[in-house]
PDB file of N, CA and C in Angstrom:
ATOM      1  N   UNK A   1     109.479  94.195  87.732  1.00  0.00           N
ATOM      2  CA  UNK A   1     110.470  94.098  88.787  1.00  0.00           C
ATOM      3  C   UNK A   1     109.791  94.327  90.126  1.00  0.00           C
ATOM      4  N   UNK A   2     110.081  93.492  91.137  1.00  0.00           N
ATOM      5  CA  UNK A   2     109.429  93.673  92.427  1.00  0.00           C
ATOM      6  C   UNK A   2     109.855  94.981  93.091  1.00  0.00           C
ATOM      7  N   UNK A   3     108.893  95.571  93.808  1.00  0.00           N
ATOM      8  CA  UNK A   3     109.197  96.830  94.465  1.00  0.00           C
ATOM      9  C   UNK A   3     110.030  96.639  95.724  1.00  0.00           C
ATOM     10  N   UNK A   4     109.887  95.503  96.352  1.00  0.00           N
ATOM     11  CA  UNK A   4     110.763  95.187  97.477  1.00  0.00           C
ATOM     12  C   UNK A   4     111.216  93.740  97.361  1.00  0.00           C
ATOM     13  N   UNK A   5     112.194  93.389  98.121  1.00  0.00           N
ATOM     14  CA  UNK A   5     112.792  92.053  97.975  1.00  0.00           C
ATOM     15  C   UNK A   5     111.952  90.944  98.582  1.00  0.00           C
ATOM     16  N   UNK A   6     110.891  91.260  99.305  1.00  0.00           N
ATOM     17  CA  UNK A   6     110.074  90.208  99.905  1.00  0.00           C
ATOM     18  C   UNK A   6     109.235  89.467  98.868  1.00  0.00           C
ATOM     19  N   UNK A   7     109.073  90.014  97.664  1.00  0.00           N
ATOM     20  CA  UNK A   7     108.287  89.366  96.615  1.00  0.00           C
ATOM     21  C   UNK A   7     109.099  88.388  95.777  1.00  0.00           C
ATOM     22  N   UNK A   8     110.398  88.372  95.933  1.00  0.00           N
ATOM     23  CA  UNK A   8     111.246  87.519  95.093  1.00  0.00           C
ATOM     24  C   UNK A   8     110.947  86.031  95.278  1.00  0.00           C
ATOM     25  N   UNK A   9     110.724  85.499  96.511  1.00  0.00           N
ATOM     26  CA  UNK A   9     110.398  84.064  96.615  1.00  0.00           C
ATOM     27  C   UNK A   9     109.141  83.678  95.847  1.00  0.00           C
ATOM     28  N   UNK A  10     108.128  84.532  95.859  1.00  0.00           N
ATOM     29  CA  UNK A  10     106.908  84.238  95.116  1.00  0.00           C
ATOM     30  C   UNK A  10     107.175  84.239  93.609  1.00  0.00           C
ATOM     31  N   UNK A  11     107.991  85.148  93.148  1.00  0.00           N
ATOM     32  CA  UNK A  11     108.324  85.204  91.725  1.00  0.00           C
ATOM     33  C   UNK A  11     109.087  83.947  91.305  1.00  0.00           C
ATOM     34  N   UNK A  12     109.981  83.468  92.159  1.00  0.00           N
ATOM     35  CA  UNK A  12     110.731  82.241  91.857  1.00  0.00           C
ATOM     36  C   UNK A  12     109.779  81.051  91.789  1.00  0.00           C
ATOM     37  N   UNK A  13     108.818  80.969  92.728  1.00  0.00           N
ATOM     38  CA  UNK A  13     107.850  79.865  92.712  1.00  0.00           C
ATOM     39  C   UNK A  13     106.979  79.923  91.469  1.00  0.00           C
ATOM     40  N   UNK A  14     106.528  81.106  91.098  1.00  0.00           N
ATOM     41  CA  UNK A  14     105.690  81.245  89.900  1.00  0.00           C
ATOM     42  C   UNK A  14     106.473  80.836  88.656  1.00  0.00           C
ATOM     43  N   UNK A  15     107.731  81.218  88.566  1.00  0.00           N
ATOM     44  CA  UNK A  15     108.567  80.821  87.434  1.00  0.00           C
ATOM     45  C   UNK A  15     108.696  79.300  87.368  1.00  0.00           C
ATOM     46  N   UNK A  16     108.926  78.656  88.513  1.00  0.00           N
ATOM     47  CA  UNK A  16     109.054  77.192  88.535  1.00  0.00           C
ATOM     48  C   UNK A  16     107.757  76.523  88.127  1.00  0.00           C
ATOM     49  N   UNK A  17     106.629  77.049  88.563  1.00  0.00           N
ATOM     50  CA  UNK A  17     105.337  76.463  88.213  1.00  0.00           C
ATOM     51  C   UNK A  17     105.052  76.638  86.720  1.00  0.00           C
ATOM     52  N   UNK A  18     105.449  77.765  86.148  1.00  0.00           N
ATOM     53  CA  UNK A  18     105.264  77.958  84.711  1.00  0.00           C
ATOM     54  C   UNK A  18     106.105  76.950  83.931  1.00  0.00           C
ATOM     55  N   UNK A  19     107.324  76.713  84.360  1.00  0.00           N
ATOM     56  CA  UNK A  19     108.167  75.690  83.719  1.00  0.00           C
ATOM     57  C   UNK A  19     107.505  74.315  83.851  1.00  0.00           C
ATOM     58  N   UNK A  20     106.957  74.015  85.032  1.00  0.00           N
ATOM     59  CA  UNK A  20     106.253  72.743  85.223  1.00  0.00           C
ATOM     60  C   UNK A  20     105.039  72.620  84.325  1.00  0.00           C
ATOM     61  N   UNK A  21     104.304  73.711  84.145  1.00  0.00           N
ATOM     62  CA  UNK A  21     103.141  73.678  83.258  1.00  0.00           C
ATOM     63  C   UNK A  21     103.563  73.441  81.812  1.00  0.00           C
ATOM     64  N   UNK A  22     104.696  74.010  81.414  1.00  0.00           N
ATOM     65  CA  UNK A  22     105.207  73.768  80.054  1.00  0.00           C
ATOM     66  C   UNK A  22     105.616  72.309  79.894  1.00  0.00           C
ATOM     67  N   UNK A  23     106.253  71.735  80.915  1.00  0.00           N
ATOM     68  CA  UNK A  23     106.577  70.300  80.874  1.00  0.00           C
ATOM     69  C   UNK A  23     105.303  69.462  80.772  1.00  0.00           C
ATOM     70  N   UNK A  24     104.261  69.856  81.508  1.00  0.00           N
ATOM     71  CA  UNK A  24     103.002  69.116  81.455  1.00  0.00           C
ATOM     72  C   UNK A  24     102.390  69.176  80.062  1.00  0.00           C
ATOM     73  N   UNK A  25     102.464  70.332  79.419  1.00  0.00           N
ATOM     74  CA  UNK A  25     101.957  70.442  78.051  1.00  0.00           C
ATOM     75  C   UNK A  25     102.768  69.578  77.091  1.00  0.00           C
ATOM     76  N   UNK A  26     104.057  69.444  77.344  1.00  0.00           N
ATOM     77  CA  UNK A  26     104.884  68.569  76.518  1.00  0.00           C
ATOM     78  C   UNK A  26     104.470  67.112  76.707  1.00  0.00           C
ATOM     79  N   UNK A  27     104.233  66.719  77.964  1.00  0.00           N
ATOM     80  CA  UNK A  27     103.818  65.338  78.219  1.00  0.00           C
ATOM     81  C   UNK A  27     102.435  65.036  77.649  1.00  0.00           C
ATOM     82  N   UNK A  28     101.554  66.027  77.624  1.00  0.00           N
ATOM     83  CA  UNK A  28     100.207  65.787  77.103  1.00  0.00           C
ATOM     84  C   UNK A  28     100.153  65.820  75.582  1.00  0.00           C
ATOM     85  N   UNK A  29     101.251  66.207  74.940  1.00  0.00           N
ATOM     86  CA  UNK A  29     101.296  66.206  73.486  1.00  0.00           C
ATOM     87  C   UNK A  29     100.884  67.518  72.852  1.00  0.00           C
ATOM     88  N   UNK A  30     100.580  68.538  73.650  1.00  0.00           N
ATOM     89  CA  UNK A  30     100.207  69.826  73.093  1.00  0.00           C
ATOM     90  C   UNK A  30     101.415  70.588  72.549  1.00  0.00           C
ATOM     91  N   UNK A  31     102.602  70.272  73.051  1.00  0.00           N
ATOM     92  CA  UNK A  31     103.846  70.783  72.482  1.00  0.00           C
ATOM     93  C   UNK A  31     104.557  69.574  71.888  1.00  0.00           C
ATOM     94  N   UNK A  32     104.779  69.583  70.573  1.00  0.00           N
ATOM     95  CA  UNK A  32     105.362  68.403  69.929  1.00  0.00           C
ATOM     96  C   UNK A  32     106.880  68.383  70.080  1.00  0.00           C
ATOM     97  N   UNK A  33     107.498  67.378  69.484  1.00  0.00           N
ATOM     98  CA  UNK A  33     108.944  67.179  69.625  1.00  0.00           C
ATOM     99  C   UNK A  33     109.765  68.297  68.972  1.00  0.00           C
ATOM    100  N   UNK A  34     109.160  69.019  68.030  1.00  0.00           N
ATOM    101  CA  UNK A  34     109.840  70.143  67.392  1.00  0.00           C
ATOM    102  C   UNK A  34     109.688  71.433  68.185  1.00  0.00           C
ATOM    103  N   UNK A  35     108.935  71.388  69.276  1.00  0.00           N
ATOM    104  CA  UNK A  35     108.736  72.568  70.109  1.00  0.00           C
ATOM    105  C   UNK A  35     107.610  73.461  69.644  1.00  0.00           C
ATOM    106  N   UNK A  36     106.754  72.958  68.769  1.00  0.00           N
ATOM    107  CA  UNK A  36     105.640  73.762  68.265  1.00  0.00           C
ATOM    108  C   UNK A  36     104.424  73.573  69.168  1.00  0.00           C
ATOM    109  N   UNK A  37     103.838  74.673  69.550  1.00  0.00           N
ATOM    110  CA  UNK A  37     102.669  74.675  70.427  1.00  0.00           C
ATOM    111  C   UNK A  37     101.406  74.764  69.596  1.00  0.00           C
ATOM    112  N   UNK A  38     100.497  73.836  69.804  1.00  0.00           N
ATOM    113  CA  UNK A  38      99.201  73.879  69.135  1.00  0.00           C
ATOM    114  C   UNK A  38      98.254  74.649  70.045  1.00  0.00           C
ATOM    115  N   UNK A  39      98.187  75.954  69.875  1.00  0.00           N
ATOM    116  CA  UNK A  39      97.452  76.825  70.779  1.00  0.00           C
ATOM    117  C   UNK A  39      95.955  76.767  70.512  1.00  0.00           C
ATOM    118  N   UNK A  40      95.201  76.552  71.573  1.00  0.00           N
ATOM    119  CA  UNK A  40      93.752  76.559  71.514  1.00  0.00           C
ATOM    120  C   UNK A  40      93.236  76.925  72.904  1.00  0.00           C
ATOM    121  N   UNK A  41      91.934  77.049  73.006  1.00  0.00           N
ATOM    122  CA  UNK A  41      91.346  77.390  74.298  1.00  0.00           C
ATOM    123  C   UNK A  41      91.591  76.268  75.304  1.00  0.00           C
ATOM    124  N   UNK A  42      91.525  75.028  74.861  1.00  0.00           N
ATOM    125  CA  UNK A  42      91.784  73.887  75.739  1.00  0.00           C
ATOM    126  C   UNK A  42      93.205  73.884  76.289  1.00  0.00           C
ATOM    127  N   UNK A  43      94.160  74.258  75.449  1.00  0.00           N
ATOM    128  CA  UNK A  43      95.558  74.318  75.890  1.00  0.00           C
ATOM    129  C   UNK A  43      95.729  75.409  76.936  1.00  0.00           C
ATOM    130  N   UNK A  44      95.073  76.540  76.745  1.00  0.00           N
ATOM    131  CA  UNK A  44      95.149  77.630  77.723  1.00  0.00           C
ATOM    132  C   UNK A  44      94.547  77.198  79.056  1.00  0.00           C
ATOM    133  N   UNK A  45      93.447  76.471  79.004  1.00  0.00           N
ATOM    134  CA  UNK A  45      92.818  75.956  80.235  1.00  0.00           C
ATOM    135  C   UNK A  45      93.755  74.974  80.923  1.00  0.00           C
ATOM    136  N   UNK A  46      94.369  74.062  80.156  1.00  0.00           N
ATOM    137  CA  UNK A  46      95.313  73.102  80.739  1.00  0.00           C
ATOM    138  C   UNK A  46      96.488  73.807  81.402  1.00  0.00           C
ATOM    139  N   UNK A  47      97.017  74.823  80.733  1.00  0.00           N
ATOM    140  CA  UNK A  47      98.153  75.568  81.264  1.00  0.00           C
ATOM    141  C   UNK A  47      97.776  76.272  82.566  1.00  0.00           C
ATOM    142  N   UNK A  48      96.633  76.941  82.571  1.00  0.00           N
ATOM    143  CA  UNK A  48      96.199  77.660  83.772  1.00  0.00           C
ATOM    144  C   UNK A  48      95.918  76.683  84.921  1.00  0.00           C
ATOM    145  N   UNK A  49      95.275  75.571  84.618  1.00  0.00           N
ATOM    146  CA  UNK A  49      94.984  74.585  85.653  1.00  0.00           C
ATOM    147  C   UNK A  49      96.267  73.998  86.216  1.00  0.00           C
ATOM    148  N   UNK A  50      97.206  73.687  85.351  1.00  0.00           N
ATOM    149  CA  UNK A  50      98.472  73.112  85.800  1.00  0.00           C
ATOM    150  C   UNK A  50      99.242  74.087  86.684  1.00  0.00           C
ATOM    151  N   UNK A  51      99.259  75.360  86.303  1.00  0.00           N
ATOM    152  CA  UNK A  51      99.961  76.366  87.104  1.00  0.00           C
ATOM    153  C   UNK A  51      99.279  76.544  88.461  1.00  0.00           C
ATOM    154  N   UNK A  52      97.959  76.640  88.471  1.00  0.00           N
ATOM    155  CA  UNK A  52      97.244  76.788  89.739  1.00  0.00           C
ATOM    156  C   UNK A  52      97.433  75.558  90.616  1.00  0.00           C
ATOM    157  N   UNK A  53      97.334  74.385  90.004  1.00  0.00           N
ATOM    158  CA  UNK A  53      97.492  73.133  90.749  1.00  0.00           C
ATOM    159  C   UNK A  53      98.889  73.048  91.354  1.00  0.00           C
ATOM    160  N   UNK A  54      99.888  73.505  90.635  1.00  0.00           N
ATOM    161  CA  UNK A  54     101.261  73.487  91.137  1.00  0.00           C
ATOM    162  C   UNK A  54     101.449  74.402  92.335  1.00  0.00           C
ATOM    163  N   UNK A  55     100.907  75.606  92.247  1.00  0.00           N
ATOM    164  CA  UNK A  55     101.046  76.549  93.361  1.00  0.00           C
ATOM    165  C   UNK A  55     100.267  76.078  94.590  1.00  0.00           C
ATOM    166  N   UNK A  56      99.004  75.726  94.393  1.00  0.00           N
ATOM    167  CA  UNK A  56      98.167  75.322  95.523  1.00  0.00           C
ATOM    168  C   UNK A  56      98.597  73.972  96.087  1.00  0.00           C
ATOM    169  N   UNK A  57      98.853  73.000  95.210  1.00  0.00           N
ATOM    170  CA  UNK A  57      99.255  71.670  95.665  1.00  0.00           C
ATOM    171  C   UNK A  57     100.617  71.664  96.323  1.00  0.00           C
ATOM    172  N   UNK A  58     101.554  72.410  95.754  1.00  0.00           N
ATOM    173  CA  UNK A  58     102.888  72.501  96.350  1.00  0.00           C
ATOM    174  C   UNK A  58     102.840  73.133  97.733  1.00  0.00           C
ATOM    175  N   UNK A  59     102.075  74.223  97.863  1.00  0.00           N
ATOM    176  CA  UNK A  59     101.940  74.884  99.166  1.00  0.00           C
ATOM    177  C   UNK A  59     101.267  73.959 100.176  1.00  0.00           C
ATOM    178  N   UNK A  60     100.258  73.199  99.717  1.00  0.00           N
ATOM    179  CA  UNK A  60      99.572  72.275 100.623  1.00  0.00           C
ATOM    180  C   UNK A  60     100.517  71.189 101.128  1.00  0.00           C
ATOM    181  N   UNK A  61     101.285  70.611 100.228  1.00  0.00           N
ATOM    182  CA  UNK A  61     102.215  69.542 100.634  1.00  0.00           C
ATOM    183  C   UNK A  61     103.257  70.071 101.611  1.00  0.00           C
ATOM    184  N   UNK A  62     103.818  71.226 101.321  1.00  0.00           N
ATOM    185  CA  UNK A  62     104.862  71.784 102.182  1.00  0.00           C
ATOM    186  C   UNK A  62     104.300  72.131 103.557  1.00  0.00           C
ATOM    187  N   UNK A  63     103.115  72.747 103.598  1.00  0.00           N
ATOM    188  CA  UNK A  63     102.520  73.120 104.883  1.00  0.00           C
ATOM    189  C   UNK A  63     102.015  71.909 105.646  1.00  0.00           C
ATOM    190  N   UNK A  64     101.446  70.933 104.933  1.00  0.00           N
ATOM    191  CA  UNK A  64     100.915  69.741 105.602  1.00  0.00           C
ATOM    192  C   UNK A  64     102.028  68.918 106.248  1.00  0.00           C
ATOM    193  N   UNK A  65     103.163  68.837 105.584  1.00  0.00           N
ATOM    194  CA  UNK A  65     104.284  68.068 106.117  1.00  0.00           C
ATOM    195  C   UNK A  65     105.136  68.880 107.088  1.00  0.00           C
ATOM    196  N   UNK A  66     104.848  70.178 107.223  1.00  0.00           N
ATOM    197  CA  UNK A  66     105.598  71.092 108.097  1.00  0.00           C
ATOM    198  C   UNK A  66     107.090  71.093 107.758  1.00  0.00           C
ATOM    199  N   UNK A  67     107.379  71.091 106.475  1.00  0.00           N
ATOM    200  CA  UNK A  67     108.762  71.117 106.031  1.00  0.00           C
ATOM    201  C   UNK A  67     109.307  72.538 106.106  1.00  0.00           C
ATOM    202  N   UNK A  68     110.520  72.673 106.583  1.00  0.00           N
ATOM    203  CA  UNK A  68     111.219  73.955 106.592  1.00  0.00           C
ATOM    204  C   UNK A  68     112.237  73.912 105.454  1.00  0.00           C
ATOM    205  N   UNK A  69     111.828  74.363 104.287  1.00  0.00           N
ATOM    206  CA  UNK A  69     112.647  74.256 103.087  1.00  0.00           C
ATOM    207  C   UNK A  69     113.037  75.631 102.572  1.00  0.00           C
ATOM    208  N   UNK A  70     114.090  75.645 101.779  1.00  0.00           N
ATOM    209  CA  UNK A  70     114.488  76.886 101.127  1.00  0.00           C
ATOM    210  C   UNK A  70     113.494  77.214 100.015  1.00  0.00           C
ATOM    211  N   UNK A  71     113.588  78.412  99.499  1.00  0.00           N
ATOM    212  CA  UNK A  71     112.689  78.841  98.433  1.00  0.00           C
ATOM    213  C   UNK A  71     112.877  77.981  97.188  1.00  0.00           C
ATOM    214  N   UNK A  72     114.096  77.630  96.878  1.00  0.00           N
ATOM    215  CA  UNK A  72     114.353  76.810  95.690  1.00  0.00           C
ATOM    216  C   UNK A  72     113.765  75.413  95.841  1.00  0.00           C
ATOM    217  N   UNK A  73     113.843  74.845  97.038  1.00  0.00           N
ATOM    218  CA  UNK A  73     113.258  73.524  97.280  1.00  0.00           C
ATOM    219  C   UNK A  73     111.736  73.587  97.193  1.00  0.00           C
ATOM    220  N   UNK A  74     111.141  74.625  97.738  1.00  0.00           N
ATOM    221  CA  UNK A  74     109.694  74.794  97.632  1.00  0.00           C
ATOM    222  C   UNK A  74     109.278  74.962  96.174  1.00  0.00           C
ATOM    223  N   UNK A  75     110.064  75.691  95.405  1.00  0.00           N
ATOM    224  CA  UNK A  75     109.759  75.889  93.991  1.00  0.00           C
ATOM    225  C   UNK A  75     109.847  74.580  93.227  1.00  0.00           C
ATOM    226  N   UNK A  76     110.838  73.760  93.556  1.00  0.00           N
ATOM    227  CA  UNK A  76     110.983  72.459  92.895  1.00  0.00           C
ATOM    228  C   UNK A  76     109.777  71.561  93.193  1.00  0.00           C
ATOM    229  N   UNK A  77     109.335  71.554  94.441  1.00  0.00           N
ATOM    230  CA  UNK A  77     108.168  70.744  94.800  1.00  0.00           C
ATOM    231  C   UNK A  77     106.934  71.244  94.055  1.00  0.00           C
ATOM    232  N   UNK A  78     106.758  72.559  93.960  1.00  0.00           N
ATOM    233  CA  UNK A  78     105.625  73.116  93.219  1.00  0.00           C
ATOM    234  C   UNK A  78     105.695  72.738  91.743  1.00  0.00           C
ATOM    235  N   UNK A  79     106.895  72.734  91.167  1.00  0.00           N
ATOM    236  CA  UNK A  79     107.050  72.361  89.768  1.00  0.00           C
ATOM    237  C   UNK A  79     106.684  70.896  89.554  1.00  0.00           C
ATOM    238  N   UNK A  80     107.144  70.029  90.439  1.00  0.00           N
ATOM    239  CA  UNK A  80     106.833  68.599  90.315  1.00  0.00           C
ATOM    240  C   UNK A  80     105.330  68.361  90.456  1.00  0.00           C
ATOM    241  N   UNK A  81     104.700  69.044  91.414  1.00  0.00           N
ATOM    242  CA  UNK A  81     103.250  68.910  91.588  1.00  0.00           C
ATOM    243  C   UNK A  81     102.529  69.403  90.339  1.00  0.00           C
ATOM    244  N   UNK A  82     103.020  70.468  89.736  1.00  0.00           N
ATOM    245  CA  UNK A  82     102.415  70.995  88.514  1.00  0.00           C
ATOM    246  C   UNK A  82     102.475  69.972  87.383  1.00  0.00           C
ATOM    247  N   UNK A  83     103.629  69.364  87.201  1.00  0.00           N
ATOM    248  CA  UNK A  83     103.795  68.395  86.104  1.00  0.00           C
ATOM    249  C   UNK A  83     102.962  67.144  86.344  1.00  0.00           C
ATOM    250  N   UNK A  84     103.153  66.508  87.498  1.00  0.00           N
ATOM    251  CA  UNK A  84     102.494  65.219  87.719  1.00  0.00           C
ATOM    252  C   UNK A  84     101.027  65.364  88.086  1.00  0.00           C
ATOM    253  N   UNK A  85     100.638  66.502  88.623  1.00  0.00           N
ATOM    254  CA  UNK A  85      99.219  66.747  88.864  1.00  0.00           C
ATOM    255  C   UNK A  85      98.454  66.830  87.567  1.00  0.00           C
ATOM    256  N   UNK A  86      99.014  67.556  86.613  1.00  0.00           N
ATOM    257  CA  UNK A  86      98.379  67.659  85.301  1.00  0.00           C
ATOM    258  C   UNK A  86      98.385  66.320  84.581  1.00  0.00           C
ATOM    259  N   UNK A  87      99.431  65.559  84.766  1.00  0.00           N
ATOM    260  CA  UNK A  87      99.498  64.229  84.158  1.00  0.00           C
ATOM    261  C   UNK A  87      98.401  63.328  84.718  1.00  0.00           C
ATOM    262  N   UNK A  88      98.187  63.372  86.039  1.00  0.00           N
ATOM    263  CA  UNK A  88      97.138  62.564  86.666  1.00  0.00           C
ATOM    264  C   UNK A  88      95.752  63.005  86.191  1.00  0.00           C
ATOM    265  N   UNK A  89      95.533  64.300  86.087  1.00  0.00           N
ATOM    266  CA  UNK A  89      94.243  64.799  85.594  1.00  0.00           C
ATOM    267  C   UNK A  89      94.027  64.349  84.149  1.00  0.00           C
ATOM    268  N   UNK A  90      95.077  64.385  83.339  1.00  0.00           N
ATOM    269  CA  UNK A  90      94.962  63.933  81.956  1.00  0.00           C
ATOM    270  C   UNK A  90      94.631  62.457  81.848  1.00  0.00           C
ATOM    271  N   UNK A  91      95.216  61.650  82.707  1.00  0.00           N
ATOM    272  CA  UNK A  91      94.930  60.209  82.692  1.00  0.00           C
ATOM    273  C   UNK A  91      93.477  59.953  83.072  1.00  0.00           C
ATOM    274  N   UNK A  92      93.003  60.631  84.107  1.00  0.00           N
ATOM    275  CA  UNK A  92      91.606  60.458  84.539  1.00  0.00           C
ATOM    276  C   UNK A  92      90.652  60.934  83.442  1.00  0.00           C
ATOM    277  N   UNK A  93      90.970  62.065  82.816  1.00  0.00           N
ATOM    278  CA  UNK A  93      90.132  62.595  81.740  1.00  0.00           C
ATOM    279  C   UNK A  93      90.052  61.613  80.573  1.00  0.00           C
ATOM    280  N   UNK A  94      91.189  61.067  80.168  1.00  0.00           N
ATOM    281  CA  UNK A  94      91.185  60.113  79.059  1.00  0.00           C
ATOM    282  C   UNK A  94      90.441  58.830  79.410  1.00  0.00           C
ATOM    283  N   UNK A  95      90.548  58.402  80.675  1.00  0.00           N
ATOM    284  CA  UNK A  95      89.824  57.194  81.098  1.00  0.00           C
ATOM    285  C   UNK A  95      88.323  57.413  81.029  1.00  0.00           C
ATOM    286  N   UNK A  96      87.865  58.572  81.477  1.00  0.00           N
ATOM    287  CA  UNK A  96      86.432  58.874  81.412  1.00  0.00           C
ATOM    288  C   UNK A  96      85.992  59.001  79.961  1.00  0.00           C
ATOM    289  N   UNK A  97      86.815  59.632  79.140  1.00  0.00           N
ATOM    290  CA  UNK A  97      86.495  59.820  77.726  1.00  0.00           C
ATOM    291  C   UNK A  97      86.378  58.475  77.000  1.00  0.00           C
ATOM    292  N   UNK A  98      87.214  57.511  77.376  1.00  0.00           N
ATOM    293  CA  UNK A  98      87.172  56.197  76.730  1.00  0.00           C
ATOM    294  C   UNK A  98      85.935  55.400  77.128  1.00  0.00           C
ATOM    295  N   UNK A  99      85.354  55.713  78.291  1.00  0.00           N
ATOM    296  CA  UNK A  99      84.201  54.951  78.767  1.00  0.00           C
ATOM    297  C   UNK A  99      82.873  55.468  78.227  1.00  0.00           C
ATOM    298  N   UNK A 100      82.871  56.619  77.580  1.00  0.00           N
ATOM    299  CA  UNK A 100      81.626  57.182  77.070  1.00  0.00           C
ATOM    300  C   UNK A 100      81.007  56.276  76.012  1.00  0.00           C
ATOM    301  N   UNK A 101      79.732  55.988  76.181  1.00  0.00           N
ATOM    302  CA  UNK A 101      79.005  55.212  75.191  1.00  0.00           C
ATOM    303  C   UNK A 101      79.259  53.721  75.238  1.00  0.00           C
ATOM    304  N   UNK A 102      79.887  53.225  76.287  1.00  0.00           N
ATOM    305  CA  UNK A 102      80.176  51.794  76.391  1.00  0.00           C
ATOM    306  C   UNK A 102      79.451  51.223  77.599  1.00  0.00           C
ATOM    307  N   UNK A 103      79.089  49.960  77.469  1.00  0.00           N
ATOM    308  CA  UNK A 103      78.462  49.280  78.601  1.00  0.00           C
ATOM    309  C   UNK A 103      79.545  48.791  79.559  1.00  0.00           C
ATOM    310  N   UNK A 104      79.122  48.422  80.753  1.00  0.00           N
ATOM    311  CA  UNK A 104      80.067  47.926  81.756  1.00  0.00           C
ATOM    312  C   UNK A 104      80.751  46.649  81.267  1.00  0.00           C
ATOM    313  N   UNK A 105      80.020  45.798  80.574  1.00  0.00           N
ATOM    314  CA  UNK A 105      80.584  44.558  80.055  1.00  0.00           C
ATOM    315  C   UNK A 105      81.699  44.840  79.038  1.00  0.00           C
ATOM    316  N   UNK A 106      81.494  45.817  78.161  1.00  0.00           N
ATOM    317  CA  UNK A 106      82.517  46.164  77.163  1.00  0.00           C
ATOM    318  C   UNK A 106      83.778  46.713  77.832  1.00  0.00           C
ATOM    319  N   UNK A 107      83.600  47.516  78.879  1.00  0.00           N
ATOM    320  CA  UNK A 107      84.748  48.074  79.598  1.00  0.00           C
ATOM    321  C   UNK A 107      85.538  46.965  80.278  1.00  0.00           C
ATOM    322  N   UNK A 108      84.839  46.030  80.929  1.00  0.00           N
ATOM    323  CA  UNK A 108      85.514  44.917  81.600  1.00  0.00           C
ATOM    324  C   UNK A 108      86.252  44.053  80.583  1.00  0.00           C
ATOM    325  N   UNK A 109      85.654  43.811  79.435  1.00  0.00           N
ATOM    326  CA  UNK A 109      86.297  43.024  78.392  1.00  0.00           C
ATOM    327  C   UNK A 109      87.571  43.717  77.898  1.00  0.00           C
ATOM    328  N   UNK A 110      87.524  45.031  77.712  1.00  0.00           N
ATOM    329  CA  UNK A 110      88.721  45.767  77.278  1.00  0.00           C
ATOM    330  C   UNK A 110      89.828  45.705  78.328  1.00  0.00           C
ATOM    331  N   UNK A 111      89.458  45.810  79.595  1.00  0.00           N
ATOM    332  CA  UNK A 111      90.457  45.738  80.670  1.00  0.00           C
ATOM    333  C   UNK A 111      91.094  44.356  80.711  1.00  0.00           C
ATOM    334  N   UNK A 112      90.289  43.308  80.583  1.00  0.00           N
ATOM    335  CA  UNK A 112      90.823  41.941  80.570  1.00  0.00           C
ATOM    336  C   UNK A 112      91.785  41.746  79.398  1.00  0.00           C
ATOM    337  N   UNK A 113      91.392  42.232  78.239  1.00  0.00           N
ATOM    338  CA  UNK A 113      92.237  42.101  77.047  1.00  0.00           C
ATOM    339  C   UNK A 113      93.558  42.851  77.229  1.00  0.00           C
ATOM    340  N   UNK A 114      93.490  44.029  77.815  1.00  0.00           N
ATOM    341  CA  UNK A 114      94.712  44.806  78.051  1.00  0.00           C
ATOM    342  C   UNK A 114      95.636  44.110  79.029  1.00  0.00           C
ATOM    343  N   UNK A 115      95.091  43.566  80.130  1.00  0.00           N
ATOM    344  CA  UNK A 115      95.926  42.845  81.094  1.00  0.00           C
ATOM    345  C   UNK A 115      96.525  41.577  80.498  1.00  0.00           C
ATOM    346  N   UNK A 116      95.776  40.889  79.676  1.00  0.00           N
ATOM    347  CA  UNK A 116      96.316  39.690  79.010  1.00  0.00           C
ATOM    348  C   UNK A 116      97.459  40.068  78.077  1.00  0.00           C
ATOM    349  N   UNK A 117      97.323  41.181  77.373  1.00  0.00           N
ATOM    350  CA  UNK A 117      98.377  41.630  76.465  1.00  0.00           C
ATOM    351  C   UNK A 117      99.618  42.075  77.228  1.00  0.00           C
ATOM    352  N   UNK A 118      99.420  42.705  78.388  1.00  0.00           N
ATOM    353  CA  UNK A 118     100.553  43.185  79.177  1.00  0.00           C
ATOM    354  C   UNK A 118     101.312  42.020  79.802  1.00  0.00           C
ATOM    355  N   UNK A 119     100.596  41.069  80.385  1.00  0.00           N
ATOM    356  CA  UNK A 119     101.238  39.986  81.129  1.00  0.00           C
ATOM    357  C   UNK A 119     101.393  38.721  80.303  1.00  0.00           C
ATOM    358  N   UNK A 120     101.393  38.813  78.994  1.00  0.00           N
ATOM    359  CA  UNK A 120     101.525  37.665  78.113  1.00  0.00           C
ATOM    360  C   UNK A 120     102.925  37.146  78.090  1.00  0.00           C
TER     361      UNK A 120
END
């Protein structure tokens, strides 16, 4: 429990970021449809990164845009940054992982095949 009421906005933001990190773990597949968490060191790293990214990224966006928002609005922005920031990092990680051990020609061929399948 906070010792004074000035800490309550920070506690609300941290709670929102934790919820966003849980949503990010759900999107990444670490929490399945039954709600079971596959706990490992990698999952803990993802959770911590998502929470930090949400707090730092949310604060950066709010300060950079000079928005005068309520605590709940700031918390919502931090939660969204937490979820979609982790999603973007996951996409970049998977893209790099897929390119390991392949030549540039093989990567270009896979991209062409994927675009042909999408726009067929």
